[in-house]
Amino acid sequence: MRYDIEVEGNCNFYANGVLVHNSSITHTQMPIEEEEEGINTLDEKFQGFNVCSRNMLLKRPVGDPNSAFWRATIENDIEKYIFNGMAIQSELIGPSIQGNPHKLDATDMRVFNIMSVAPNVPAERWSLEDMKSYCESVELQMVDIIFEGKFEDLGCETVEDFVELANKAKYKTSKGEVQAEGIVVRLCEPEPHPRMGKELSFKVISPKYALKHGE
């Protein structure tokens, strides 16, 4: 059995004695379809505008939202800007979330992925340039990008090189720079790996950050 929970005012919670967090949020806008020949290709509950945590579809609140996910959705006016066949993935940041490394006074969100979606077909990730252009046009903030270019220009050839880069990664805040949790490496232009058959991406956790926060 799997549970997906949110602790009001604090996205951290204990699972099997381990302090974990669940702060990613996904918005989708799916077509509202009519049944043809008795078959509907998309479950009715997923049609239209959706807000999802990592594992669950979150119901639209009645009145003032208690959910940090829905509050961020409303404050950023996501429903106004998202269009049919689109999914926006973001990370929630702010007070009570992972120690609030950005030193924010209120919960906010940072976009890290946008995809084109449709029923019964694999999602297609947007390119970095398309994502940047969209976010700029609707005034959504993205996650920090520390480098854009080729691996050889970055000077990373080994696992140790990427770990060192993760240790150097910083969050820029109104109160100065702080150590980032790590880095995510992915292609600027989505392209499946020739052997894996899917796009290659990976996350590198900073040992400095892990030791400092007891992870």
Protein backbone atom coordinates (compact mmCIF):
# COMPACT_ATOMS: atom_id res chain seq x y z
CA MET A 1 0.00 0.00 0.00
CA ARG A 2 1.33 3.47 -0.89
CA TYR A 3 0.43 6.79 0.69
CA ASP A 4 1.07 10.27 -0.57
CA ILE A 5 0.76 12.84 2.20
CA GLU A 6 1.30 16.51 2.86
CA VAL A 7 1.91 18.05 6.26
CA GLU A 8 0.25 21.46 6.39
CA GLY A 9 2.84 24.21 6.69
CA ASN A 10 5.67 21.67 6.36
CA CYS A 11 6.20 19.40 3.35
CA ASN A 12 8.59 17.22 5.39
CA PHE A 13 7.35 14.11 7.19
CA TYR A 14 8.63 10.87 8.70
CA ALA A 15 8.32 7.60 6.77
CA ASN A 16 9.58 4.46 8.50
CA GLY A 17 11.59 6.65 10.85
CA VAL A 18 13.25 8.60 8.01
CA LEU A 19 12.63 12.32 7.51
CA VAL A 20 11.65 12.80 3.87
CA HIS A 21 10.09 15.53 1.76
CA ASN A 22 7.57 15.60 -1.03
CA SER A 23 7.79 18.98 -2.68
CA SER A 24 7.48 18.42 -6.44
CA ILE A 25 4.29 19.52 -8.18
CA THR A 26 2.94 18.75 -11.65
CA HIS A 27 0.25 20.70 -13.52
CA THR A 28 -1.47 19.22 -16.57
CA GLN A 29 -4.15 20.41 -18.96
CA MET A 30 -5.70 17.46 -20.78
CA PRO A 31 -8.43 17.45 -23.44
CA ILE A 32 -12.03 16.95 -22.32
CA GLU A 33 -13.09 14.10 -24.58
CA GLU A 34 -16.43 12.71 -25.57
CA GLU A 35 -16.88 8.97 -25.75
CA GLU A 36 -16.78 7.46 -29.20
CA GLU A 37 -18.27 4.01 -29.72
CA GLY A 38 -18.41 3.51 -25.98
CA ILE A 39 -14.66 4.08 -25.47
CA ASN A 40 -13.10 7.06 -23.74
CA THR A 41 -9.31 7.14 -24.17
CA LEU A 42 -8.78 9.27 -21.04
CA ASP A 43 -10.18 8.66 -17.58
CA GLU A 44 -12.65 11.45 -16.81
CA LYS A 45 -10.88 12.41 -13.58
CA PHE A 46 -7.72 13.31 -15.54
CA GLN A 47 -9.49 15.49 -18.09
CA GLY A 48 -9.16 19.27 -17.86
CA PHE A 49 -6.82 21.02 -15.42
CA ASN A 50 -5.02 18.89 -12.82
CA VAL A 51 -2.68 19.50 -9.90
CA CYS A 52 -0.61 16.51 -8.80
CA SER A 53 1.94 15.83 -6.09
CA ARG A 54 4.54 13.13 -6.72
CA ASN A 55 2.03 10.27 -6.58
CA MET A 56 -1.46 11.72 -6.30
CA LEU A 57 -4.03 13.81 -8.10
CA LEU A 58 -5.03 16.61 -5.69
CA LYS A 59 -8.68 17.62 -5.59
CA ARG A 60 -9.59 21.22 -6.34
CA PRO A 61 -10.22 22.97 -3.00
CA VAL A 62 -13.49 24.62 -2.06
CA GLY A 63 -12.75 28.06 -0.64
CA ASP A 64 -9.28 28.93 0.66
CA PRO A 65 -6.84 26.07 -0.11
CA ASN A 66 -5.17 24.26 2.80
CA SER A 67 -2.74 22.58 0.42
CA ALA A 68 0.62 24.26 -0.28
CA PHE A 69 0.43 22.75 -3.77
CA TRP A 70 -2.89 24.44 -4.57
CA ARG A 71 -1.84 27.72 -2.93
CA ALA A 72 1.24 27.90 -5.19
CA THR A 73 -0.95 27.00 -8.18
CA ILE A 74 -3.40 29.83 -7.48
CA GLU A 75 -0.75 32.42 -6.56
CA ASN A 76 1.15 31.73 -9.81
CA ASP A 77 -2.09 31.69 -11.86
CA ILE A 78 -1.03 28.44 -13.55
CA GLU A 79 -4.51 27.56 -14.80
CA LYS A 80 -4.62 30.79 -16.80
CA TYR A 81 -1.40 30.09 -18.72
CA ILE A 82 -1.29 26.32 -19.23
CA PHE A 83 -2.83 25.03 -22.46
CA ASN A 84 -4.25 21.75 -23.72
CA GLY A 85 -1.75 18.92 -23.98
CA MET A 86 0.77 20.53 -21.65
CA ALA A 87 2.39 19.47 -18.36
CA ILE A 88 4.49 21.74 -16.14
CA GLN A 89 6.71 20.21 -13.45
CA SER A 90 8.00 22.41 -10.63
CA GLU A 91 9.62 22.22 -7.24
CA LEU A 92 7.98 23.87 -4.25
CA ILE A 93 10.39 25.92 -2.15
CA GLY A 94 10.02 28.12 0.89
CA PRO A 95 9.55 27.99 4.66
CA SER A 96 9.52 24.48 6.20
CA ILE A 97 10.67 22.85 2.93
CA GLN A 98 14.19 21.36 3.01
CA GLY A 99 15.41 24.05 5.38
CA ASN A 100 14.33 26.83 3.02
CA PRO A 101 17.74 27.26 1.30
CA HIS A 102 16.45 30.15 -0.83
CA LYS A 103 15.58 32.06 2.38
CA LEU A 104 12.06 32.83 1.17
CA ASP A 105 9.33 34.30 3.36
CA ALA A 106 6.54 32.45 1.53
CA THR A 107 6.10 29.25 -0.48
CA ASP A 108 6.96 29.57 -4.18
CA MET A 109 7.61 27.27 -7.12
CA ARG A 110 10.42 26.86 -9.65
CA VAL A 111 9.80 25.17 -13.02
CA PHE A 112 12.24 22.43 -14.00
CA ASN A 113 10.41 20.62 -16.81
CA ILE A 114 7.67 21.20 -19.39
CA MET A 115 6.24 18.43 -21.55
CA SER A 116 3.71 17.90 -24.30
CA VAL A 117 1.27 15.21 -23.17
CA ALA A 118 -1.56 13.24 -24.73
CA PRO A 119 -3.53 10.13 -23.77
CA ASN A 120 -1.81 6.78 -24.41
CA VAL A 121 1.40 8.21 -25.87
CA PRO A 122 4.76 8.98 -24.20
CA ALA A 123 5.23 12.54 -22.99
CA GLU A 124 7.66 14.69 -24.98
CA ARG A 125 9.91 17.04 -23.03
CA TRP A 126 10.36 20.57 -24.32
CA SER A 127 13.81 21.85 -25.17
CA LEU A 128 15.54 24.13 -22.69
CA GLU A 129 15.14 27.14 -24.98
CA ASP A 130 11.41 26.52 -25.45
CA MET A 131 10.95 26.14 -21.69
CA LYS A 132 12.91 29.33 -20.97
CA SER A 133 10.91 31.25 -23.59
CA TYR A 134 7.58 30.06 -22.21
CA CYS A 135 8.46 30.77 -18.57
CA GLU A 136 9.66 34.24 -19.47
CA SER A 137 6.46 34.98 -21.42
CA VAL A 138 4.18 34.05 -18.49
CA GLU A 139 6.58 35.24 -15.75
CA LEU A 140 7.16 31.84 -14.14
CA GLN A 141 10.49 31.36 -12.41
CA MET A 142 12.69 28.43 -13.35
CA VAL A 143 15.24 26.53 -11.31
CA ASP A 144 18.75 27.99 -11.41
CA ILE A 145 20.80 26.99 -14.45
CA ILE A 146 24.50 26.90 -13.56
CA PHE A 147 25.84 25.82 -16.96
CA GLU A 148 24.63 25.40 -20.53
CA GLY A 149 26.97 23.85 -23.08
CA LYS A 150 29.07 20.77 -23.83
CA PHE A 151 30.52 18.39 -21.24
CA GLU A 152 34.04 18.97 -22.54
CA ASP A 153 33.62 22.71 -22.01
CA LEU A 154 32.47 22.01 -18.47
CA GLY A 155 35.54 19.88 -17.76
CA CYS A 156 33.54 16.94 -16.35
CA GLU A 157 34.71 13.50 -17.46
CA THR A 158 34.38 11.38 -14.31
CA VAL A 159 31.92 10.87 -11.46
CA GLU A 160 34.34 12.73 -9.19
CA ASP A 161 34.25 15.73 -11.55
CA PHE A 162 30.45 15.92 -11.29
CA VAL A 163 30.57 15.54 -7.50
CA GLU A 164 33.03 18.44 -7.33
CA LEU A 165 30.69 20.51 -9.51
CA ALA A 166 27.77 19.67 -7.21
CA ASN A 167 29.84 20.80 -4.21
CA LYS A 168 30.44 24.15 -5.94
CA ALA A 169 26.77 24.71 -6.81
CA LYS A 170 25.15 27.57 -4.89
CA TYR A 171 21.67 28.98 -4.50
CA LYS A 172 21.51 32.73 -5.07
CA THR A 173 19.32 34.29 -2.40
CA SER A 174 18.48 37.79 -1.22
CA LYS A 175 20.73 37.05 1.75
CA GLY A 176 23.72 35.77 -0.21
CA GLU A 177 24.76 32.42 -1.65
CA VAL A 178 24.13 29.10 0.10
CA GLN A 179 25.19 25.54 -0.68
CA ALA A 180 22.86 23.78 -3.14
CA GLU A 181 21.58 20.25 -2.56
CA GLY A 182 23.17 19.18 -5.83
CA ILE A 183 22.78 19.41 -9.59
CA VAL A 184 20.67 17.78 -12.29
CA VAL A 185 22.28 17.05 -15.66
CA ARG A 186 20.13 16.69 -18.77
CA LEU A 187 20.23 17.43 -22.48
CA CYS A 188 19.25 20.88 -23.73
CA GLU A 189 17.56 19.22 -26.71
CA PRO A 190 15.62 16.04 -25.78
CA GLU A 191 17.09 13.02 -27.52
CA PRO A 192 16.88 9.30 -26.62
CA HIS A 193 20.11 7.54 -25.71
CA PRO A 194 21.06 5.09 -28.53
CA ARG A 195 21.42 2.14 -26.14
CA MET A 196 18.84 3.01 -23.47
CA GLY A 197 16.13 4.08 -25.88
CA LYS A 198 15.18 6.99 -23.62
CA GLU A 199 16.60 10.33 -22.63
CA LEU A 200 19.52 10.23 -20.22
CA SER A 201 19.51 12.52 -17.17
CA PHE A 202 20.91 12.20 -13.67
CA LYS A 203 21.12 13.96 -10.33
CA VAL A 204 24.35 14.47 -8.37
CA ILE A 205 23.96 15.15 -4.63
CA SER A 206 26.55 17.39 -2.99
CA PRO A 207 28.38 15.55 -0.17
CA LYS A 208 28.94 18.96 1.47
CA TYR A 209 25.21 19.55 1.58
CA ALA A 210 24.46 16.00 2.77
CA LEU A 211 26.98 16.20 5.62
CA LYS A 212 25.80 19.64 6.68
CA HIS A 213 22.16 18.57 6.81
CA GLY A 214 22.78 15.09 8.19
CA GLU A 215 21.52 13.24 5.11
